[in-house]
Amino acid sequence: MFSPWKTVLIGLVSVSVAVTALLYVRIRFAVTTDKLEPVSGSNREPEWPPGEPAPIKFASPNMSSVERQTFLTADYRIVHKVADLPAGIRKLYTVKGGSRVAIADPGERFEATDVITDPDLPTRRLIFAGVAQDRAFIHYEEGGIAHSYIVELFRLESPDLAVGLWSGYRGPTKNLEELKRLVAKEDRDLCCNP
């Protein structure tokens, strides 16, 4: 048997090893926040993940269900190819540097989960979109930890300039009539009644 002094000594050594290991891990794997927080007065462009477009700022994130329903009453031409979207919308989904649009056409491969197997694949895939004279909507699926279905509404200022109005998790839907029904719902109604 160990004497009480040996037990105390072994305990102190164990505690000191554990504290040293903890300090080592904290120092070794510490994340510096100076790269995450913008420098005051800096004109630097915000960082976003490679292969992803810049985040879209939506002008009317609290658009009411009545306003969304009204928005979708226009005479839309339904499109199923990203190339058929107005240039202003394609620009919003173009990766930094303008090398490619970060949304796949229906049926094309895309990163449907958060496990990235090919960094050149987009994380979004078009379901369908609608284009009218002065407005457009896009309905797509987005991969990640939670596979999501999204609808985004845009005002077309010109063929080359689109302004994001509203974005919401809705779907999936197969046609405009289903989309109108889902977009009309308030966010609080989506929990249990999709």
N, C-alpha and C. Protein backbone atom coordinates (compact mmCIF):
# COMPACT_ATOMS: atom_id res chain seq x y z
N MET A 1 0.84 -1.19 0.00
CA MET A 1 0.00 0.00 0.00
C MET A 1 0.87 1.23 0.00
N PHE A 2 0.28 2.29 -0.55
CA PHE A 2 1.00 3.55 -0.57
C PHE A 2 0.82 4.27 0.75
N SER A 3 1.85 4.97 1.15
CA SER A 3 1.71 5.80 2.35
C SER A 3 0.94 7.05 1.96
N PRO A 4 0.38 7.74 2.93
CA PRO A 4 -0.40 8.95 2.63
C PRO A 4 0.42 10.00 1.87
N TRP A 5 1.73 10.08 2.19
CA TRP A 5 2.58 11.07 1.52
C TRP A 5 2.77 10.72 0.04
N LYS A 6 2.90 9.42 -0.25
CA LYS A 6 3.05 9.02 -1.66
C LYS A 6 1.77 9.30 -2.42
N THR A 7 0.63 9.08 -1.82
CA THR A 7 -0.65 9.34 -2.46
C THR A 7 -0.81 10.82 -2.77
N VAL A 8 -0.44 11.68 -1.81
CA VAL A 8 -0.50 13.12 -2.01
C VAL A 8 0.46 13.54 -3.12
N LEU A 9 1.65 13.00 -3.12
CA LEU A 9 2.66 13.32 -4.13
C LEU A 9 2.18 12.90 -5.53
N ILE A 10 1.64 11.71 -5.66
CA ILE A 10 1.12 11.24 -6.95
C ILE A 10 -0.03 12.13 -7.41
N GLY A 11 -0.89 12.53 -6.48
CA GLY A 11 -2.00 13.43 -6.81
C GLY A 11 -1.51 14.78 -7.30
N LEU A 12 -0.50 15.35 -6.61
CA LEU A 12 0.05 16.65 -7.03
C LEU A 12 0.71 16.55 -8.40
N VAL A 13 1.46 15.48 -8.65
CA VAL A 13 2.10 15.29 -9.95
C VAL A 13 1.02 15.16 -11.04
N SER A 14 -0.02 14.40 -10.77
CA SER A 14 -1.10 14.22 -11.74
C SER A 14 -1.78 15.54 -12.07
N VAL A 15 -2.05 16.34 -11.04
CA VAL A 15 -2.69 17.64 -11.25
C VAL A 15 -1.77 18.56 -12.05
N SER A 16 -0.49 18.58 -11.73
CA SER A 16 0.43 19.46 -12.46
C SER A 16 0.58 19.03 -13.91
N VAL A 17 0.59 17.72 -14.19
CA VAL A 17 0.64 17.23 -15.57
C VAL A 17 -0.63 17.64 -16.32
N ALA A 18 -1.78 17.51 -15.68
CA ALA A 18 -3.04 17.86 -16.31
C ALA A 18 -3.10 19.36 -16.61
N VAL A 19 -2.68 20.20 -15.67
CA VAL A 19 -2.68 21.65 -15.88
C VAL A 19 -1.71 22.02 -17.00
N THR A 20 -0.54 21.42 -17.02
CA THR A 20 0.43 21.68 -18.08
C THR A 20 -0.13 21.27 -19.44
N ALA A 21 -0.77 20.12 -19.51
CA ALA A 21 -1.36 19.65 -20.77
C ALA A 21 -2.47 20.61 -21.22
N LEU A 22 -3.29 21.06 -20.30
CA LEU A 22 -4.35 21.99 -20.62
C LEU A 22 -3.79 23.30 -21.17
N LEU A 23 -2.78 23.84 -20.52
CA LEU A 23 -2.16 25.07 -21.00
C LEU A 23 -1.54 24.88 -22.37
N TYR A 24 -0.89 23.75 -22.58
CA TYR A 24 -0.29 23.46 -23.88
C TYR A 24 -1.36 23.43 -24.97
N VAL A 25 -2.44 22.75 -24.71
CA VAL A 25 -3.51 22.64 -25.71
C VAL A 25 -4.11 24.01 -26.00
N ARG A 26 -4.36 24.81 -24.97
CA ARG A 26 -4.93 26.15 -25.17
C ARG A 26 -4.00 27.04 -25.98
N ILE A 27 -2.71 26.97 -25.71
CA ILE A 27 -1.75 27.79 -26.45
C ILE A 27 -1.59 27.26 -27.87
N ARG A 28 -1.49 25.96 -27.99
CA ARG A 28 -1.23 25.33 -29.30
C ARG A 28 -2.39 25.53 -30.27
N PHE A 29 -3.61 25.45 -29.78
CA PHE A 29 -4.78 25.51 -30.65
C PHE A 29 -5.59 26.79 -30.47
N ALA A 30 -4.98 27.81 -29.94
CA ALA A 30 -5.69 29.07 -29.73
C ALA A 30 -6.02 29.71 -31.07
N VAL A 31 -7.23 30.29 -31.15
CA VAL A 31 -7.66 31.00 -32.35
C VAL A 31 -7.48 32.48 -32.08
N THR A 32 -6.69 33.13 -32.92
CA THR A 32 -6.52 34.56 -32.74
C THR A 32 -7.72 35.27 -33.34
N THR A 33 -8.22 36.26 -32.64
CA THR A 33 -9.41 36.95 -33.11
C THR A 33 -9.07 38.17 -33.93
N ASP A 34 -7.81 38.57 -34.03
CA ASP A 34 -7.50 39.75 -34.81
C ASP A 34 -7.80 39.55 -36.29
N LYS A 35 -7.82 38.31 -36.79
CA LYS A 35 -8.15 38.06 -38.18
C LYS A 35 -9.66 37.98 -38.38
N LEU A 36 -10.42 37.78 -37.31
CA LEU A 36 -11.86 37.62 -37.43
C LEU A 36 -12.60 38.93 -37.31
N GLU A 37 -12.05 39.86 -36.56
CA GLU A 37 -12.73 41.12 -36.33
C GLU A 37 -12.17 42.19 -37.25
N PRO A 38 -13.04 42.97 -37.89
CA PRO A 38 -12.54 44.01 -38.77
C PRO A 38 -11.81 45.08 -37.98
N VAL A 39 -10.77 45.62 -38.57
CA VAL A 39 -10.01 46.69 -37.95
C VAL A 39 -10.81 47.97 -38.09
N SER A 40 -10.91 48.72 -37.02
CA SER A 40 -11.69 49.95 -37.04
C SER A 40 -11.16 50.89 -38.11
N GLY A 41 -12.07 51.41 -38.94
CA GLY A 41 -11.67 52.34 -39.99
C GLY A 41 -11.07 51.66 -41.20
N SER A 42 -11.10 50.34 -41.23
CA SER A 42 -10.51 49.62 -42.35
C SER A 42 -11.45 49.62 -43.54
N ASN A 43 -10.87 49.72 -44.72
CA ASN A 43 -11.65 49.67 -45.95
C ASN A 43 -11.56 48.31 -46.60
N ARG A 44 -11.08 47.33 -45.84
CA ARG A 44 -10.93 45.99 -46.41
C ARG A 44 -12.28 45.37 -46.69
N GLU A 45 -12.32 44.58 -47.76
CA GLU A 45 -13.51 43.84 -48.12
C GLU A 45 -13.68 42.68 -47.14
N PRO A 46 -14.91 42.41 -46.69
CA PRO A 46 -15.08 41.28 -45.77
C PRO A 46 -14.72 39.96 -46.43
N GLU A 47 -14.24 39.04 -45.64
CA GLU A 47 -13.85 37.72 -46.14
C GLU A 47 -15.06 36.81 -46.19
N TRP A 48 -15.10 35.93 -47.18
CA TRP A 48 -16.10 34.88 -47.23
C TRP A 48 -15.43 33.63 -47.75
N PRO A 49 -16.03 32.47 -47.51
CA PRO A 49 -15.36 31.22 -47.86
C PRO A 49 -15.04 31.14 -49.35
N PRO A 50 -13.90 30.54 -49.70
CA PRO A 50 -13.57 30.38 -51.11
C PRO A 50 -14.63 29.54 -51.81
N GLY A 51 -14.92 29.87 -53.06
CA GLY A 51 -15.92 29.13 -53.82
C GLY A 51 -17.34 29.55 -53.53
N GLU A 52 -17.52 30.55 -52.67
CA GLU A 52 -18.85 31.04 -52.32
C GLU A 52 -19.00 32.48 -52.76
N PRO A 53 -20.21 32.89 -53.15
CA PRO A 53 -20.43 34.29 -53.47
C PRO A 53 -20.51 35.12 -52.19
N ALA A 54 -20.38 36.41 -52.33
CA ALA A 54 -20.52 37.30 -51.17
C ALA A 54 -21.96 37.21 -50.65
N PRO A 55 -22.16 37.39 -49.36
CA PRO A 55 -23.53 37.36 -48.83
C PRO A 55 -24.39 38.46 -49.47
N ILE A 56 -25.63 38.15 -49.73
CA ILE A 56 -26.56 39.11 -50.32
C ILE A 56 -27.24 39.87 -49.19
N LYS A 57 -27.28 41.19 -49.30
CA LYS A 57 -27.99 42.01 -48.31
C LYS A 57 -29.39 42.23 -48.85
N PHE A 58 -30.39 41.80 -48.08
CA PHE A 58 -31.78 41.91 -48.51
C PHE A 58 -32.40 43.19 -47.96
N ALA A 59 -33.02 43.97 -48.85
CA ALA A 59 -33.55 45.28 -48.50
C ALA A 59 -34.80 45.20 -47.64
N SER A 60 -35.59 44.13 -47.79
CA SER A 60 -36.85 44.01 -47.04
C SER A 60 -36.93 42.65 -46.34
N PRO A 61 -36.01 42.39 -45.39
CA PRO A 61 -36.02 41.07 -44.77
C PRO A 61 -37.30 40.77 -43.99
N ASN A 62 -38.05 41.79 -43.62
CA ASN A 62 -39.29 41.59 -42.87
C ASN A 62 -40.52 41.78 -43.74
N MET A 63 -40.38 41.53 -45.04
CA MET A 63 -41.50 41.67 -45.98
C MET A 63 -42.66 40.80 -45.49
N SER A 64 -43.86 41.37 -45.47
CA SER A 64 -45.02 40.64 -44.98
C SER A 64 -45.47 39.58 -45.98
N SER A 65 -46.28 38.65 -45.51
CA SER A 65 -46.77 37.59 -46.39
C SER A 65 -47.65 38.19 -47.50
N VAL A 66 -48.39 39.25 -47.21
CA VAL A 66 -49.21 39.90 -48.22
C VAL A 66 -48.33 40.53 -49.30
N GLU A 67 -47.25 41.19 -48.89
CA GLU A 67 -46.31 41.78 -49.86
C GLU A 67 -45.65 40.69 -50.71
N ARG A 68 -45.31 39.57 -50.09
CA ARG A 68 -44.70 38.47 -50.85
C ARG A 68 -45.70 37.89 -51.84
N GLN A 69 -46.95 37.71 -51.43
CA GLN A 69 -47.99 37.21 -52.34
C GLN A 69 -48.16 38.16 -53.52
N THR A 70 -48.22 39.45 -53.24
CA THR A 70 -48.36 40.45 -54.30
C THR A 70 -47.18 40.40 -55.24
N PHE A 71 -45.98 40.25 -54.69
CA PHE A 71 -44.77 40.19 -55.52
C PHE A 71 -44.86 39.04 -56.52
N LEU A 72 -45.44 37.92 -56.11
CA LEU A 72 -45.48 36.74 -56.96
C LEU A 72 -46.67 36.71 -57.93
N THR A 73 -47.45 37.81 -58.02
CA THR A 73 -48.57 37.85 -58.96
C THR A 73 -48.17 38.31 -60.35
N ALA A 74 -46.93 38.70 -60.55
CA ALA A 74 -46.47 39.16 -61.87
C ALA A 74 -46.54 38.01 -62.88
N ASP A 75 -46.42 38.35 -64.13
CA ASP A 75 -46.44 37.36 -65.21
C ASP A 75 -45.00 36.83 -65.39
N TYR A 76 -44.69 35.75 -64.70
CA TYR A 76 -43.33 35.21 -64.69
C TYR A 76 -43.09 34.23 -65.82
N ARG A 77 -41.90 34.33 -66.40
CA ARG A 77 -41.39 33.31 -67.32
C ARG A 77 -40.57 32.37 -66.44
N ILE A 78 -40.95 31.10 -66.36
CA ILE A 78 -40.24 30.14 -65.50
C ILE A 78 -38.99 29.66 -66.21
N VAL A 79 -37.87 29.67 -65.48
CA VAL A 79 -36.59 29.22 -66.04
C VAL A 79 -36.04 28.08 -65.20
N HIS A 80 -35.32 27.19 -65.87
CA HIS A 80 -34.73 26.02 -65.21
C HIS A 80 -33.23 25.93 -65.43
N LYS A 81 -32.63 27.00 -65.91
CA LYS A 81 -31.19 27.05 -66.12
C LYS A 81 -30.65 28.36 -65.55
N VAL A 82 -29.54 28.26 -64.86
CA VAL A 82 -28.91 29.44 -64.28
C VAL A 82 -28.56 30.44 -65.38
N ALA A 83 -28.14 29.96 -66.54
CA ALA A 83 -27.77 30.85 -67.65
C ALA A 83 -28.93 31.70 -68.12
N ASP A 84 -30.18 31.28 -67.84
CA ASP A 84 -31.36 32.04 -68.26
C ASP A 84 -31.78 33.09 -67.24
N LEU A 85 -31.10 33.16 -66.11
CA LEU A 85 -31.38 34.20 -65.12
C LEU A 85 -30.81 35.52 -65.61
N PRO A 86 -31.40 36.65 -65.20
CA PRO A 86 -30.82 37.95 -65.57
C PRO A 86 -29.38 38.07 -65.06
N ALA A 87 -28.58 38.79 -65.81
CA ALA A 87 -27.16 38.96 -65.45
C ALA A 87 -26.99 39.51 -64.03
N GLY A 88 -27.90 40.41 -63.63
CA GLY A 88 -27.80 40.99 -62.28
C GLY A 88 -27.94 39.95 -61.18
N ILE A 89 -28.77 38.96 -61.39
CA ILE A 89 -28.92 37.89 -60.39
C ILE A 89 -27.73 36.94 -60.46
N ARG A 90 -27.29 36.60 -61.65
CA ARG A 90 -26.11 35.72 -61.78
C ARG A 90 -24.90 36.35 -61.10
N LYS A 91 -24.76 37.67 -61.18
CA LYS A 91 -23.63 38.36 -60.53
C LYS A 91 -23.67 38.15 -59.01
N LEU A 92 -24.88 38.17 -58.44
CA LEU A 92 -25.00 38.00 -56.99
C LEU A 92 -24.55 36.62 -56.52
N TYR A 93 -24.60 35.64 -57.41
CA TYR A 93 -24.21 34.27 -57.08
C TYR A 93 -22.86 33.89 -57.68
N THR A 94 -22.10 34.88 -58.12
CA THR A 94 -20.79 34.61 -58.71
C THR A 94 -19.73 34.64 -57.61
N VAL A 95 -18.82 33.66 -57.66
CA VAL A 95 -17.77 33.58 -56.64
C VAL A 95 -16.82 34.77 -56.78
N LYS A 96 -16.12 35.04 -55.72
CA LYS A 96 -15.15 36.13 -55.70
C LYS A 96 -14.17 35.94 -56.85
N GLY A 97 -13.91 36.97 -57.58
CA GLY A 97 -13.02 36.88 -58.73
C GLY A 97 -13.77 36.64 -60.03
N GLY A 98 -15.06 36.33 -59.95
CA GLY A 98 -15.88 36.18 -61.13
C GLY A 98 -15.62 34.97 -61.99
N SER A 99 -15.04 33.92 -61.41
CA SER A 99 -14.67 32.76 -62.22
C SER A 99 -15.86 31.87 -62.57
N ARG A 100 -16.89 31.82 -61.74
CA ARG A 100 -18.03 30.95 -62.02
C ARG A 100 -19.21 31.31 -61.13
N VAL A 101 -20.38 30.89 -61.56
CA VAL A 101 -21.59 31.07 -60.76
C VAL A 101 -21.68 29.91 -59.78
N ALA A 102 -21.95 30.21 -58.52
CA ALA A 102 -21.93 29.19 -57.47
C ALA A 102 -23.31 28.59 -57.23
N ILE A 103 -23.98 28.25 -58.31
CA ILE A 103 -25.27 27.57 -58.21
C ILE A 103 -25.37 26.65 -59.42
N ALA A 104 -25.72 25.40 -59.16
CA ALA A 104 -25.81 24.40 -60.24
C ALA A 104 -27.20 24.39 -60.85
N ASP A 105 -27.29 23.91 -62.07
CA ASP A 105 -28.59 23.72 -62.72
C ASP A 105 -29.28 22.50 -62.12
N PRO A 106 -30.60 22.39 -62.27
CA PRO A 106 -31.32 21.21 -61.78
C PRO A 106 -30.70 19.92 -62.34
N GLY A 107 -30.54 18.93 -61.47
CA GLY A 107 -30.00 17.64 -61.89
C GLY A 107 -28.48 17.57 -61.91
N GLU A 108 -27.78 18.71 -61.84
CA GLU A 108 -26.32 18.70 -61.81
C GLU A 108 -25.82 18.40 -60.40
N ARG A 109 -24.58 17.94 -60.34
CA ARG A 109 -23.96 17.65 -59.04
C ARG A 109 -23.73 18.95 -58.27
N PHE A 110 -23.90 18.85 -56.95
CA PHE A 110 -23.57 19.95 -56.04
C PHE A 110 -23.27 19.35 -54.68
N GLU A 111 -22.70 20.13 -53.79
CA GLU A 111 -22.38 19.65 -52.44
C GLU A 111 -23.64 19.69 -51.59
N ALA A 112 -24.30 18.55 -51.47
CA ALA A 112 -25.58 18.47 -50.76
C ALA A 112 -25.42 18.37 -49.25
N THR A 113 -24.22 18.08 -48.77
CA THR A 113 -24.00 17.96 -47.33
C THR A 113 -22.88 18.89 -46.91
N ASP A 114 -22.52 18.85 -45.63
CA ASP A 114 -21.43 19.68 -45.15
C ASP A 114 -20.07 19.01 -45.36
N VAL A 115 -20.05 17.81 -45.90
CA VAL A 115 -18.79 17.12 -46.21
C VAL A 115 -18.41 17.53 -47.63
N ILE A 116 -17.40 18.37 -47.75
CA ILE A 116 -16.99 18.89 -49.05
C ILE A 116 -16.09 17.86 -49.73
N THR A 117 -16.60 17.28 -50.81
CA THR A 117 -15.83 16.28 -51.56
C THR A 117 -15.11 16.89 -52.75
N ASP A 118 -15.65 18.00 -53.27
CA ASP A 118 -15.04 18.67 -54.41
C ASP A 118 -15.25 20.17 -54.22
N PRO A 119 -14.20 20.92 -53.88
CA PRO A 119 -14.36 22.35 -53.60
C PRO A 119 -14.82 23.16 -54.81
N ASP A 120 -14.77 22.58 -56.01
CA ASP A 120 -15.25 23.28 -57.20
C ASP A 120 -16.75 23.15 -57.41
N LEU A 121 -17.39 22.24 -56.67
CA LEU A 121 -18.83 22.09 -56.80
C LEU A 121 -19.54 23.17 -55.98
N PRO A 122 -20.63 23.72 -56.51
CA PRO A 122 -21.38 24.71 -55.74
C PRO A 122 -22.14 24.03 -54.60
N THR A 123 -22.53 24.82 -53.61
CA THR A 123 -23.32 24.30 -52.49
C THR A 123 -24.81 24.56 -52.71
N ARG A 124 -25.15 25.18 -53.84
CA ARG A 124 -26.55 25.48 -54.16
C ARG A 124 -26.91 24.82 -55.49
N ARG A 125 -28.20 24.45 -55.62
CA ARG A 125 -28.69 23.92 -56.89
C ARG A 125 -30.08 24.48 -57.16
N LEU A 126 -30.23 25.05 -58.34
CA LEU A 126 -31.50 25.65 -58.75
C LEU A 126 -32.60 24.60 -58.83
N ILE A 127 -33.77 24.94 -58.32
CA ILE A 127 -34.97 24.13 -58.52
C ILE A 127 -35.73 24.74 -59.69
N PHE A 128 -36.11 26.01 -59.57
CA PHE A 128 -36.63 26.78 -60.69
C PHE A 128 -36.62 28.25 -60.28
N ALA A 129 -36.78 29.12 -61.25
CA ALA A 129 -36.81 30.56 -60.98
C ALA A 129 -37.86 31.17 -61.89
N GLY A 130 -38.21 32.41 -61.59
CA GLY A 130 -39.16 33.14 -62.42
C GLY A 130 -38.65 34.53 -62.69
N VAL A 131 -38.82 34.97 -63.94
CA VAL A 131 -38.35 36.30 -64.33
C VAL A 131 -39.52 37.06 -64.96
N ALA A 132 -39.77 38.26 -64.46
CA ALA A 132 -40.78 39.16 -65.02
C ALA A 132 -40.07 40.46 -65.43
N GLN A 133 -40.83 41.42 -65.87
CA GLN A 133 -40.25 42.67 -66.37
C GLN A 133 -39.34 43.35 -65.34
N ASP A 134 -39.84 43.54 -64.12
CA ASP A 134 -39.09 44.32 -63.13
C ASP A 134 -38.76 43.53 -61.86
N ARG A 135 -38.95 42.23 -61.90
CA ARG A 135 -38.72 41.42 -60.70
C ARG A 135 -38.40 39.99 -61.08
N ALA A 136 -37.87 39.27 -60.09
CA ALA A 136 -37.54 37.86 -60.31
C ALA A 136 -37.52 37.16 -58.96
N PHE A 137 -37.66 35.86 -58.99
CA PHE A 137 -37.48 35.05 -57.79
C PHE A 137 -36.62 33.87 -58.18
N ILE A 138 -35.98 33.30 -57.17
CA ILE A 138 -35.17 32.10 -57.38
C ILE A 138 -35.47 31.13 -56.25
N HIS A 139 -35.68 29.88 -56.60
CA HIS A 139 -35.96 28.82 -55.62
C HIS A 139 -34.86 27.77 -55.80
N TYR A 140 -34.10 27.53 -54.74
CA TYR A 140 -32.98 26.60 -54.85
C TYR A 140 -32.83 25.79 -53.58
N GLU A 141 -32.05 24.73 -53.69
CA GLU A 141 -31.70 23.93 -52.51
C GLU A 141 -30.26 24.25 -52.16
N GLU A 142 -29.96 24.19 -50.88
CA GLU A 142 -28.61 24.49 -50.41
C GLU A 142 -28.14 23.36 -49.52
N GLY A 143 -26.95 22.85 -49.82
CA GLY A 143 -26.37 21.79 -49.01
C GLY A 143 -25.74 22.36 -47.76
N GLY A 144 -25.39 21.48 -46.87
CA GLY A 144 -24.77 21.89 -45.61
C GLY A 144 -25.15 20.91 -44.52
N ILE A 145 -24.97 21.32 -43.29
CA ILE A 145 -25.33 20.46 -42.16
C ILE A 145 -26.82 20.14 -42.24
N ALA A 146 -27.62 21.15 -42.58
CA ALA A 146 -29.05 20.94 -42.79
C ALA A 146 -29.34 21.26 -44.25
N HIS A 147 -29.81 20.30 -45.00
CA HIS A 147 -30.18 20.52 -46.40
C HIS A 147 -31.39 21.45 -46.40
N SER A 148 -31.29 22.59 -47.08
CA SER A 148 -32.33 23.62 -47.01
C SER A 148 -32.89 23.93 -48.38
N TYR A 149 -34.10 24.47 -48.38
CA TYR A 149 -34.77 24.93 -49.59
C TYR A 149 -35.10 26.40 -49.39
N ILE A 150 -34.66 27.23 -50.32
CA ILE A 150 -34.71 28.67 -50.12
C ILE A 150 -35.42 29.35 -51.28
N VAL A 151 -36.15 30.41 -50.97
CA VAL A 151 -36.76 31.28 -51.98
C VAL A 151 -36.20 32.68 -51.74
N GLU A 152 -35.78 33.33 -52.82
CA GLU A 152 -35.30 34.70 -52.71
C GLU A 152 -35.99 35.56 -53.76
N LEU A 153 -36.39 36.76 -53.35
CA LEU A 153 -37.11 37.69 -54.22
C LEU A 153 -36.19 38.86 -54.56
N PHE A 154 -36.22 39.29 -55.84
CA PHE A 154 -35.33 40.36 -56.31
C PHE A 154 -36.12 41.39 -57.11
N ARG A 155 -35.71 42.64 -56.97
CA ARG A 155 -36.19 43.72 -57.83
C ARG A 155 -35.12 43.91 -58.90
N LEU A 156 -35.54 43.97 -60.18
CA LEU A 156 -34.60 44.16 -61.28
C LEU A 156 -34.55 45.64 -61.62
N GLU A 157 -33.46 46.29 -61.22
CA GLU A 157 -33.28 47.71 -61.52
C GLU A 157 -32.95 47.89 -63.00
N SER A 158 -32.21 46.95 -63.55
CA SER A 158 -31.85 46.90 -64.97
C SER A 158 -31.45 45.45 -65.24
N PRO A 159 -31.19 45.09 -66.50
CA PRO A 159 -30.78 43.70 -66.74
C PRO A 159 -29.51 43.29 -65.98
N ASP A 160 -28.66 44.28 -65.68
CA ASP A 160 -27.40 43.98 -65.00
C ASP A 160 -27.40 44.28 -63.51
N LEU A 161 -28.53 44.73 -62.97
CA LEU A 161 -28.57 45.09 -61.55
C LEU A 161 -29.82 44.55 -60.89
N ALA A 162 -29.62 43.64 -59.95
CA ALA A 162 -30.71 43.07 -59.17
C ALA A 162 -30.51 43.43 -57.70
N VAL A 163 -31.60 43.76 -57.04
CA VAL A 163 -31.56 44.10 -55.62
C VAL A 163 -32.33 43.03 -54.86
N GLY A 164 -31.65 42.39 -53.91
CA GLY A 164 -32.31 41.38 -53.08
C GLY A 164 -33.32 42.04 -52.17
N LEU A 165 -34.54 41.51 -52.16
CA LEU A 165 -35.59 42.05 -51.30
C LEU A 165 -35.85 41.18 -50.08
N TRP A 166 -36.01 39.88 -50.31
CA TRP A 166 -36.42 38.98 -49.22
C TRP A 166 -35.86 37.59 -49.47
N SER A 167 -35.56 36.88 -48.40
CA SER A 167 -35.10 35.50 -48.49
C SER A 167 -35.75 34.72 -47.36
N GLY A 168 -36.17 33.49 -47.69
CA GLY A 168 -36.79 32.66 -46.66
C GLY A 168 -36.63 31.19 -46.96
N TYR A 169 -36.66 30.39 -45.91
CA TYR A 169 -36.58 28.94 -46.05
C TYR A 169 -37.97 28.42 -46.38
N ARG A 170 -38.14 27.94 -47.61
CA ARG A 170 -39.43 27.44 -48.08
C ARG A 170 -39.20 26.31 -49.07
N GLY A 171 -39.99 25.27 -48.93
CA GLY A 171 -39.95 24.26 -49.98
C GLY A 171 -39.57 22.90 -49.46
N PRO A 172 -39.30 22.00 -50.38
CA PRO A 172 -39.19 22.25 -51.81
C PRO A 172 -40.56 22.31 -52.47
N THR A 173 -40.61 23.02 -53.59
CA THR A 173 -41.83 23.07 -54.38
C THR A 173 -41.49 22.70 -55.82
N LYS A 174 -42.49 22.27 -56.54
CA LYS A 174 -42.29 21.85 -57.93
C LYS A 174 -42.78 22.86 -58.94
N ASN A 175 -43.63 23.81 -58.49
CA ASN A 175 -44.18 24.78 -59.44
C ASN A 175 -44.51 26.09 -58.73
N LEU A 176 -44.87 27.08 -59.52
CA LEU A 176 -45.13 28.41 -59.00
C LEU A 176 -46.33 28.44 -58.05
N GLU A 177 -47.36 27.68 -58.33
CA GLU A 177 -48.54 27.68 -57.46
C GLU A 177 -48.20 27.18 -56.06
N GLU A 178 -47.43 26.10 -55.96
CA GLU A 178 -46.99 25.61 -54.64
C GLU A 178 -46.11 26.65 -53.95
N LEU A 179 -45.23 27.28 -54.73
CA LEU A 179 -44.33 28.29 -54.17
C LEU A 179 -45.13 29.46 -53.60
N LYS A 180 -46.14 29.92 -54.32
CA LYS A 180 -46.99 31.01 -53.82
C LYS A 180 -47.62 30.64 -52.49
N ARG A 181 -48.10 29.40 -52.38
CA ARG A 181 -48.74 28.95 -51.14
C ARG A 181 -47.74 28.96 -49.98
N LEU A 182 -46.52 28.48 -50.22
CA LEU A 182 -45.52 28.45 -49.14
C LEU A 182 -45.00 29.83 -48.78
N VAL A 183 -44.79 30.67 -49.77
CA VAL A 183 -44.26 32.02 -49.51
C VAL A 183 -45.28 32.86 -48.76
N ALA A 184 -46.57 32.55 -48.93
CA ALA A 184 -47.62 33.30 -48.24
C ALA A 184 -47.62 33.02 -46.74
N LYS A 185 -47.07 31.89 -46.32
CA LYS A 185 -47.07 31.56 -44.90
C LYS A 185 -46.08 32.43 -44.14
N GLU A 186 -46.47 32.75 -42.93
CA GLU A 186 -45.55 33.46 -42.05
C GLU A 186 -44.53 32.46 -41.50
N ASP A 187 -43.36 32.94 -41.13
CA ASP A 187 -42.30 32.07 -40.63
C ASP A 187 -42.77 31.24 -39.43
N ARG A 188 -43.57 31.83 -38.57
CA ARG A 188 -44.02 31.10 -37.38
C ARG A 188 -44.94 29.93 -37.74
N ASP A 189 -45.57 29.98 -38.93
CA ASP A 189 -46.48 28.91 -39.36
C ASP A 189 -45.75 27.74 -40.00
N LEU A 190 -44.46 27.87 -40.26
CA LEU A 190 -43.73 26.84 -40.99
C LEU A 190 -43.24 25.70 -40.11
N CYS A 191 -43.22 25.90 -38.83
CA CYS A 191 -42.69 24.90 -37.91
C CYS A 191 -43.27 23.52 -38.15
N CYS A 192 -44.54 23.43 -38.13
CA CYS A 192 -45.17 22.11 -38.15
C CYS A 192 -46.12 21.93 -39.32
N ASN A 193 -46.32 22.93 -40.17
CA ASN A 193 -47.25 22.85 -41.28
C ASN A 193 -46.59 23.31 -42.57
N PRO A 194 -45.65 22.57 -43.14
CA PRO A 194 -44.94 23.05 -44.33
C PRO A 194 -45.81 23.23 -45.53
